[in-house]
């Protein structure tokens, strides 16, 4: 039952992020610390996230997806740097 609720929550959050809402830092931190890489990828499509010590600590606290999320953040950062060159 809990897994089903999480899946529904993920679907709802993806639909919400599709609307490109303005998100404050607290909302971003919650997404980074609680959700998986699919939600974070949707977040990164609408909002730039600068990799800071606080962001690293927040992602490190995500027990389920921390490695995948950090990889995603670093990949997006590398793509941004390549575009600037």
Protein backbone atom coordinates (compact mmCIF):
# COMPACT_ATOMS: atom_id res chain seq x y z
CA UNK A 1 0.00 0.00 0.00
CA UNK A 2 2.79 2.43 0.90
CA UNK A 3 4.59 1.80 -2.41
CA UNK A 4 1.37 2.50 -4.29
CA UNK A 5 0.95 5.84 -2.48
CA UNK A 6 4.54 6.82 -3.26
CA UNK A 7 4.00 6.04 -6.95
CA UNK A 8 0.85 8.18 -7.00
CA UNK A 9 2.73 10.95 -5.22
CA UNK A 10 5.48 10.77 -7.81
CA UNK A 11 2.95 10.98 -10.64
CA UNK A 12 1.33 14.02 -9.02
CA UNK A 13 4.66 15.74 -8.46
CA UNK A 14 5.72 15.12 -12.06
CA UNK A 15 2.45 16.65 -13.27
CA UNK A 16 3.01 19.64 -11.00
CA UNK A 17 6.59 20.12 -12.23
CA UNK A 18 5.32 19.99 -15.83
CA UNK A 19 3.50 23.24 -15.03
CA UNK A 20 6.90 24.83 -14.24
CA UNK A 21 6.01 26.41 -10.90
CA UNK A 22 8.35 28.79 -9.14
CA UNK A 23 10.04 26.83 -6.37
CA UNK A 24 11.89 28.30 -3.43
CA UNK A 25 15.05 26.77 -2.00
CA UNK A 26 13.13 24.89 0.70
CA UNK A 27 11.00 23.12 -1.92
CA UNK A 28 14.10 22.26 -3.95
CA UNK A 29 15.81 20.84 -0.86
CA UNK A 30 12.78 18.66 -0.10
CA UNK A 31 12.77 17.28 -3.63
CA UNK A 32 16.52 16.60 -3.51
CA UNK A 33 16.33 14.88 -0.14
CA UNK A 34 13.12 12.88 -0.53
CA UNK A 35 12.53 11.95 -4.17
CA UNK A 36 14.28 9.86 -6.82
CA UNK A 37 16.29 10.84 -9.87
CA UNK A 38 13.20 11.03 -12.12
CA UNK A 39 11.68 13.79 -10.02
CA UNK A 40 15.05 15.55 -9.71
CA UNK A 41 15.52 15.41 -13.50
CA UNK A 42 12.11 17.06 -13.92
CA UNK A 43 13.13 19.68 -11.36
CA UNK A 44 16.39 20.38 -13.20
CA UNK A 45 14.44 20.89 -16.42
CA UNK A 46 12.68 23.90 -14.87
CA UNK A 47 15.19 25.24 -12.34
CA UNK A 48 18.95 25.49 -12.23
CA UNK A 49 20.46 24.04 -9.08
CA UNK A 50 23.92 25.27 -8.19
CA UNK A 51 26.05 22.58 -6.56
CA UNK A 52 26.98 23.95 -3.14
CA UNK A 53 28.01 22.35 0.14
CA UNK A 54 24.39 22.59 1.28
CA UNK A 55 23.13 20.84 -1.86
CA UNK A 56 25.71 18.06 -1.46
CA UNK A 57 24.66 17.53 2.17
CA UNK A 58 20.99 17.53 1.16
CA UNK A 59 21.52 14.96 -1.59
CA UNK A 60 23.70 12.84 0.71
CA UNK A 61 20.72 12.58 3.04
CA UNK A 62 18.63 10.95 0.32
CA UNK A 63 19.06 7.33 1.34
CA UNK A 64 17.21 5.92 -1.66
CA UNK A 65 18.76 7.77 -4.62
CA UNK A 66 21.73 9.86 -3.48
CA UNK A 67 24.29 8.38 -5.90
CA UNK A 68 22.00 8.68 -8.92
CA UNK A 69 20.97 12.22 -8.01
CA UNK A 70 24.57 13.36 -7.49
CA UNK A 71 25.50 11.81 -10.83
CA UNK A 72 22.60 13.64 -12.46
CA UNK A 73 23.61 16.98 -10.91
CA UNK A 74 27.22 16.55 -12.03
CA UNK A 75 26.13 15.54 -15.52
CA UNK A 76 23.95 18.65 -15.85
CA UNK A 77 26.80 20.80 -14.53
CA UNK A 78 29.20 19.32 -17.12
CA UNK A 79 26.69 19.97 -19.90
CA UNK A 80 26.35 23.59 -18.79
CA UNK A 81 30.13 24.04 -18.76
CA UNK A 82 30.44 22.50 -22.24
CA UNK A 83 27.85 24.96 -23.58
CA UNK A 84 29.78 27.87 -22.13
CA UNK A 85 33.02 26.89 -23.86
